[in-house]
Amino acid sequence: MQFQRLLLSLSLVCFSATALAERADRDKPIHLEADHATVEDYKQRGEFRTSIFTGNVILTQGTLILRADKVIMKEDVTGYRHATAHGNLVSYRQKRDGVNEYVEAWSRRAEYDNKTDKIELFGSARLKRGTDEVEGDYISYDITSDFFQVFGQPQPENDKNSDHRVRAVIQPKAKQPDADTEK
């Protein structure tokens, strides 16, 4: 198990790149659409205002788009927000900074924190960037650094024939000529 995680971590180094999520998104307003919404006031609950959006929820912030059946948004007094999205399939999409490429993800539950600029995917999680793709039971993706971790689901003793492993498809990249071979 440790060897599998080490191998996956080494593979993910090849999967990561210098391009990050669209930096300008963080400074843009969050737009929410839903069939129903409930919003609490700070004064009633203390340090957080909680808003609950249900029914075909669409959260957008610049190029970031999050779709879910239900989103619970908590906002602190300084304006940072934490959204927990639930659904038959929650989807996330955001343009990467400096390239014409998107990061897309799907799971049963997603938690997005704009203070840490991180999204966590729980249950049948899948993340795709360009033609590269990973899947597992849990994916943690740091949007700022373009770093992620993937974990498979522990295999129960009575479920030995089922496959709960992490999967990754990493496409070959065009090789750059070596400086020594050009001379």
C-alpha atoms as a PDB file:
ATOM      1  CA  MET A   1       0.000   0.000   0.000  1.00  0.00           C
ATOM      2  CA  GLN A   2       2.829   2.430   0.894  1.00  0.00           C
ATOM      3  CA  PHE A   3       4.598   1.473  -2.337  1.00  0.00           C
ATOM      4  CA  GLN A   4       1.440   2.247  -4.359  1.00  0.00           C
ATOM      5  CA  ARG A   5       1.152   5.697  -2.777  1.00  0.00           C
ATOM      6  CA  LEU A   6       4.860   6.382  -3.381  1.00  0.00           C
ATOM      7  CA  LEU A   7       4.531   5.296  -7.009  1.00  0.00           C
ATOM      8  CA  LEU A   8       1.456   7.473  -7.441  1.00  0.00           C
ATOM      9  CA  SER A   9       3.217  10.463  -5.840  1.00  0.00           C
ATOM     10  CA  LEU A  10       6.133  10.074  -8.253  1.00  0.00           C
ATOM     11  CA  SER A  11       3.710   9.792 -11.167  1.00  0.00           C
ATOM     12  CA  LEU A  12       1.915  12.939 -10.062  1.00  0.00           C
ATOM     13  CA  VAL A  13       5.161  14.891 -10.233  1.00  0.00           C
ATOM     14  CA  CYS A  14       5.132  14.127 -13.960  1.00  0.00           C
ATOM     15  CA  PHE A  15       1.458  15.136 -14.076  1.00  0.00           C
ATOM     16  CA  SER A  16       1.977  18.531 -12.434  1.00  0.00           C
ATOM     17  CA  ALA A  17       3.035  21.592 -14.417  1.00  0.00           C
ATOM     18  CA  THR A  18       3.909  25.207 -13.827  1.00  0.00           C
ATOM     19  CA  ALA A  19       0.588  26.582 -15.102  1.00  0.00           C
ATOM     20  CA  LEU A  20      -1.858  27.298 -12.299  1.00  0.00           C
ATOM     21  CA  ALA A  21      -5.569  27.951 -12.036  1.00  0.00           C
ATOM     22  CA  GLU A  22      -6.775  31.253 -13.466  1.00  0.00           C
ATOM     23  CA  ARG A  23      -5.413  33.766 -10.919  1.00  0.00           C
ATOM     24  CA  ALA A  24      -7.940  36.478 -11.739  1.00  0.00           C
ATOM     25  CA  ASP A  25     -10.855  34.221 -10.677  1.00  0.00           C
ATOM     26  CA  ARG A  26     -10.150  34.755  -6.980  1.00  0.00           C
ATOM     27  CA  ASP A  27     -10.904  38.495  -7.231  1.00  0.00           C
ATOM     28  CA  LYS A  28     -14.172  38.058  -9.119  1.00  0.00           C
ATOM     29  CA  PRO A  29     -17.636  37.908  -7.517  1.00  0.00           C
ATOM     30  CA  ILE A  30     -19.299  34.572  -6.808  1.00  0.00           C
ATOM     31  CA  HIS A  31     -22.606  34.077  -8.627  1.00  0.00           C
ATOM     32  CA  LEU A  32     -25.063  31.438  -7.433  1.00  0.00           C
ATOM     33  CA  GLU A  33     -28.173  30.108  -9.137  1.00  0.00           C
ATOM     34  CA  ALA A  34     -30.557  27.604  -7.572  1.00  0.00           C
ATOM     35  CA  ASP A  35     -34.207  26.614  -7.329  1.00  0.00           C
ATOM     36  CA  HIS A  36     -34.308  27.600  -3.628  1.00  0.00           C
ATOM     37  CA  ALA A  37     -32.077  29.533  -1.201  1.00  0.00           C
ATOM     38  CA  THR A  38     -31.946  30.249   2.536  1.00  0.00           C
ATOM     39  CA  VAL A  39     -29.539  32.900   3.872  1.00  0.00           C
ATOM     40  CA  GLU A  40     -28.737  33.567   7.544  1.00  0.00           C
ATOM     41  CA  ASP A  41     -27.447  36.837   8.996  1.00  0.00           C
ATOM     42  CA  TYR A  42     -24.109  37.064  10.872  1.00  0.00           C
ATOM     43  CA  LYS A  43     -25.878  38.496  13.922  1.00  0.00           C
ATOM     44  CA  GLN A  44     -28.012  35.383  14.355  1.00  0.00           C
ATOM     45  CA  ARG A  45     -25.215  32.797  14.188  1.00  0.00           C
ATOM     46  CA  GLY A  46     -22.040  34.493  15.396  1.00  0.00           C
ATOM     47  CA  GLU A  47     -18.940  34.424  13.205  1.00  0.00           C
ATOM     48  CA  PHE A  48     -20.382  32.758  10.082  1.00  0.00           C
ATOM     49  CA  ARG A  49     -23.229  33.460   7.727  1.00  0.00           C
ATOM     50  CA  THR A  50     -24.617  30.243   6.279  1.00  0.00           C
ATOM     51  CA  SER A  51     -26.476  30.090   2.982  1.00  0.00           C
ATOM     52  CA  ILE A  52     -28.086  26.929   1.641  1.00  0.00           C
ATOM     53  CA  PHE A  53     -28.857  26.585  -2.065  1.00  0.00           C
ATOM     54  CA  THR A  54     -30.841  23.596  -3.361  1.00  0.00           C
ATOM     55  CA  GLY A  55     -31.999  22.371  -6.745  1.00  0.00           C
ATOM     56  CA  ASN A  56     -29.765  22.536  -9.819  1.00  0.00           C
ATOM     57  CA  VAL A  57     -27.181  24.786  -8.126  1.00  0.00           C
ATOM     58  CA  ILE A  58     -24.619  26.569 -10.305  1.00  0.00           C
ATOM     59  CA  LEU A  59     -21.789  28.481  -8.589  1.00  0.00           C
ATOM     60  CA  THR A  60     -19.553  30.567 -10.861  1.00  0.00           C
ATOM     61  CA  GLN A  61     -16.558  32.764 -10.071  1.00  0.00           C
ATOM     62  CA  GLY A  62     -14.735  33.887 -13.201  1.00  0.00           C
ATOM     63  CA  THR A  63     -13.839  30.693 -15.079  1.00  0.00           C
ATOM     64  CA  LEU A  64     -14.636  28.474 -12.053  1.00  0.00           C
ATOM     65  CA  ILE A  65     -17.960  26.627 -12.395  1.00  0.00           C
ATOM     66  CA  LEU A  66     -19.325  24.277  -9.714  1.00  0.00           C
ATOM     67  CA  ARG A  67     -22.596  22.381 -10.323  1.00  0.00           C
ATOM     68  CA  ALA A  68     -24.450  20.393  -7.656  1.00  0.00           C
ATOM     69  CA  ASP A  69     -27.843  19.419  -6.256  1.00  0.00           C
ATOM     70  CA  LYS A  70     -27.141  21.279  -2.994  1.00  0.00           C
ATOM     71  CA  VAL A  71     -24.506  23.797  -1.868  1.00  0.00           C
ATOM     72  CA  ILE A  72     -23.974  24.953   1.720  1.00  0.00           C
ATOM     73  CA  MET A  73     -21.959  28.188   1.717  1.00  0.00           C
ATOM     74  CA  LYS A  74     -20.359  29.524   4.894  1.00  0.00           C
ATOM     75  CA  GLU A  75     -18.906  33.033   4.857  1.00  0.00           C
ATOM     76  CA  ASP A  76     -16.817  34.406   7.732  1.00  0.00           C
ATOM     77  CA  VAL A  77     -16.754  38.050   8.828  1.00  0.00           C
ATOM     78  CA  THR A  78     -13.627  38.709   6.730  1.00  0.00           C
ATOM     79  CA  GLY A  79     -15.396  37.532   3.551  1.00  0.00           C
ATOM     80  CA  TYR A  80     -13.761  34.123   3.038  1.00  0.00           C
ATOM     81  CA  ARG A  81     -16.138  31.400   1.873  1.00  0.00           C
ATOM     82  CA  HIS A  82     -16.290  27.644   2.248  1.00  0.00           C
ATOM     83  CA  ALA A  83     -18.751  25.749   0.055  1.00  0.00           C
ATOM     84  CA  THR A  84     -19.810  22.127   0.517  1.00  0.00           C
ATOM     85  CA  ALA A  85     -21.531  20.720  -2.575  1.00  0.00           C
ATOM     86  CA  HIS A  86     -23.565  17.519  -2.642  1.00  0.00           C
ATOM     87  CA  GLY A  87     -25.088  15.708  -5.578  1.00  0.00           C
ATOM     88  CA  ASN A  88     -25.563  12.606  -7.596  1.00  0.00           C
ATOM     89  CA  LEU A  89     -22.553  14.021  -9.382  1.00  0.00           C
ATOM     90  CA  VAL A  90     -20.937  17.326  -8.400  1.00  0.00           C
ATOM     91  CA  SER A  91     -18.890  18.846 -11.208  1.00  0.00           C
ATOM     92  CA  TYR A  92     -16.084  21.433 -11.096  1.00  0.00           C
ATOM     93  CA  ARG A  93     -14.387  23.204 -13.998  1.00  0.00           C
ATOM     94  CA  GLN A  94     -11.775  25.994 -14.048  1.00  0.00           C
ATOM     95  CA  LYS A  95      -9.399  27.403 -16.647  1.00  0.00           C
ATOM     96  CA  ARG A  96      -5.688  27.086 -15.934  1.00  0.00           C
ATOM     97  CA  ASP A  97      -3.649  30.287 -15.887  1.00  0.00           C
ATOM     98  CA  GLY A  98      -1.545  31.001 -18.959  1.00  0.00           C
ATOM     99  CA  VAL A  99      -2.723  28.055 -21.096  1.00  0.00           C
ATOM    100  CA  ASN A 100      -5.878  27.228 -22.994  1.00  0.00           C
ATOM    101  CA  GLU A 101      -6.681  24.243 -20.801  1.00  0.00           C
ATOM    102  CA  TYR A 102      -9.199  23.430 -18.083  1.00  0.00           C
ATOM    103  CA  VAL A 103      -9.134  21.343 -14.934  1.00  0.00           C
ATOM    104  CA  GLU A 104     -12.342  19.369 -14.580  1.00  0.00           C
ATOM    105  CA  ALA A 105     -13.462  17.209 -11.671  1.00  0.00           C
ATOM    106  CA  TRP A 106     -16.438  15.103 -10.581  1.00  0.00           C
ATOM    107  CA  SER A 107     -17.451  13.479  -7.296  1.00  0.00           C
ATOM    108  CA  ARG A 108     -20.400  12.859  -4.988  1.00  0.00           C
ATOM    109  CA  ARG A 109     -19.327  15.615  -2.591  1.00  0.00           C
ATOM    110  CA  ALA A 110     -16.953  18.540  -3.043  1.00  0.00           C
ATOM    111  CA  GLU A 111     -15.648  21.094  -0.549  1.00  0.00           C
ATOM    112  CA  TYR A 112     -14.233  24.350  -1.914  1.00  0.00           C
ATOM    113  CA  ASP A 113     -12.409  26.822   0.344  1.00  0.00           C
ATOM    114  CA  ASN A 114     -11.533  30.176  -1.234  1.00  0.00           C
ATOM    115  CA  LYS A 115      -9.265  31.115   1.702  1.00  0.00           C
ATOM    116  CA  THR A 116      -6.891  28.219   0.993  1.00  0.00           C
ATOM    117  CA  ASP A 117      -7.852  27.980  -2.709  1.00  0.00           C
ATOM    118  CA  LYS A 118      -8.360  24.247  -2.346  1.00  0.00           C
ATOM    119  CA  ILE A 119     -11.041  21.804  -3.482  1.00  0.00           C
ATOM    120  CA  GLU A 120     -11.550  18.361  -1.959  1.00  0.00           C
ATOM    121  CA  LEU A 121     -13.500  15.655  -3.784  1.00  0.00           C
ATOM    122  CA  PHE A 122     -15.135  12.767  -1.913  1.00  0.00           C
ATOM    123  CA  GLY A 123     -16.672   9.567  -3.284  1.00  0.00           C
ATOM    124  CA  SER A 124     -16.038   8.313  -6.839  1.00  0.00           C
ATOM    125  CA  ALA A 125     -13.712  11.263  -7.404  1.00  0.00           C
ATOM    126  CA  ARG A 126     -12.212  11.981 -10.812  1.00  0.00           C
ATOM    127  CA  LEU A 127      -9.949  14.843 -11.931  1.00  0.00           C
ATOM    128  CA  LYS A 128      -8.989  15.586 -15.521  1.00  0.00           C
ATOM    129  CA  ARG A 129      -6.465  18.099 -16.854  1.00  0.00           C
ATOM    130  CA  GLY A 130      -6.119  18.113 -20.612  1.00  0.00           C
ATOM    131  CA  THR A 131      -5.777  14.462 -21.594  1.00  0.00           C
ATOM    132  CA  ASP A 132      -4.352  13.385 -18.222  1.00  0.00           C
ATOM    133  CA  GLU A 133      -6.766  11.945 -15.682  1.00  0.00           C
ATOM    134  CA  VAL A 134      -6.787  10.479 -12.163  1.00  0.00           C
ATOM    135  CA  GLU A 135      -9.538   8.845 -10.141  1.00  0.00           C
ATOM    136  CA  GLY A 136      -9.947   7.498  -6.638  1.00  0.00           C
ATOM    137  CA  ASP A 137     -12.204   7.730  -3.626  1.00  0.00           C
ATOM    138  CA  TYR A 138     -10.689  11.056  -2.462  1.00  0.00           C
ATOM    139  CA  ILE A 139      -8.826  13.818  -4.322  1.00  0.00           C
ATOM    140  CA  SER A 140      -7.391  16.945  -2.697  1.00  0.00           C
ATOM    141  CA  TYR A 141      -6.512  19.648  -5.254  1.00  0.00           C
ATOM    142  CA  ASP A 142      -4.609  22.832  -4.347  1.00  0.00           C
ATOM    143  CA  ILE A 143      -5.709  25.242  -7.067  1.00  0.00           C
ATOM    144  CA  THR A 144      -2.909  27.771  -6.454  1.00  0.00           C
ATOM    145  CA  SER A 145      -0.008  25.331  -6.724  1.00  0.00           C
ATOM    146  CA  ASP A 146      -1.710  22.872  -9.128  1.00  0.00           C
ATOM    147  CA  PHE A 147      -0.831  20.039  -6.716  1.00  0.00           C
ATOM    148  CA  PHE A 148      -3.143  17.178  -5.860  1.00  0.00           C
ATOM    149  CA  GLN A 149      -3.257  13.945  -3.902  1.00  0.00           C
ATOM    150  CA  VAL A 150      -5.386  10.921  -4.719  1.00  0.00           C
ATOM    151  CA  PHE A 151      -6.382   8.090  -2.371  1.00  0.00           C
ATOM    152  CA  GLY A 152      -8.219   4.847  -3.066  1.00  0.00           C
ATOM    153  CA  GLN A 153     -10.892   3.463  -0.818  1.00  0.00           C
ATOM    154  CA  PRO A 154      -9.784   0.951   1.824  1.00  0.00           C
ATOM    155  CA  GLN A 155     -10.809  -2.495   0.652  1.00  0.00           C
ATOM    156  CA  PRO A 156     -13.117  -4.282   3.097  1.00  0.00           C
ATOM    157  CA  GLU A 157     -12.296  -7.883   3.940  1.00  0.00           C
ATOM    158  CA  ASN A 158     -15.550  -9.176   2.389  1.00  0.00           C
ATOM    159  CA  ASP A 159     -15.019  -7.204  -0.841  1.00  0.00           C
ATOM    160  CA  LYS A 160     -11.764  -8.739  -2.092  1.00  0.00           C
ATOM    161  CA  ASN A 161     -12.963  -9.076  -5.690  1.00  0.00           C
ATOM    162  CA  SER A 162     -13.802  -5.377  -5.986  1.00  0.00           C
ATOM    163  CA  ASP A 163     -11.198  -2.884  -7.201  1.00  0.00           C
ATOM    164  CA  HIS A 164     -10.844   0.289  -5.073  1.00  0.00           C
ATOM    165  CA  ARG A 165      -7.467   1.351  -6.359  1.00  0.00           C
ATOM    166  CA  VAL A 166      -6.316   4.749  -7.587  1.00  0.00           C
ATOM    167  CA  ARG A 167      -6.159   5.026 -11.376  1.00  0.00           C
ATOM    168  CA  ALA A 168      -4.091   7.472 -13.429  1.00  0.00           C
ATOM    169  CA  VAL A 169      -3.670   8.093 -17.151  1.00  0.00           C
ATOM    170  CA  ILE A 170      -0.660  10.282 -17.884  1.00  0.00           C
ATOM    171  CA  GLN A 171      -0.097  11.114 -21.532  1.00  0.00           C
ATOM    172  CA  PRO A 172       3.462  11.413 -22.879  1.00  0.00           C
ATOM    173  CA  LYS A 173       4.668  14.979 -23.322  1.00  0.00           C
ATOM    174  CA  ALA A 174       6.657  16.200 -26.305  1.00  0.00           C
ATOM    175  CA  LYS A 175      10.326  15.811 -25.487  1.00  0.00           C
ATOM    176  CA  GLN A 176      12.500  18.916 -25.628  1.00  0.00           C
ATOM    177  CA  PRO A 177      15.922  18.550 -27.321  1.00  0.00           C
ATOM    178  CA  ASP A 178      18.766  18.191 -24.858  1.00  0.00           C
ATOM    179  CA  ALA A 179      21.127  21.200 -24.829  1.00  0.00           C
ATOM    180  CA  ASP A 180      24.196  18.908 -25.032  1.00  0.00           C
ATOM    181  CA  THR A 181      22.914  17.061 -28.136  1.00  0.00           C
ATOM    182  CA  GLU A 182      22.400  20.298 -30.073  1.00  0.00           C
ATOM    183  CA  LYS A 183      26.093  21.248 -29.918  1.00  0.00           C
END
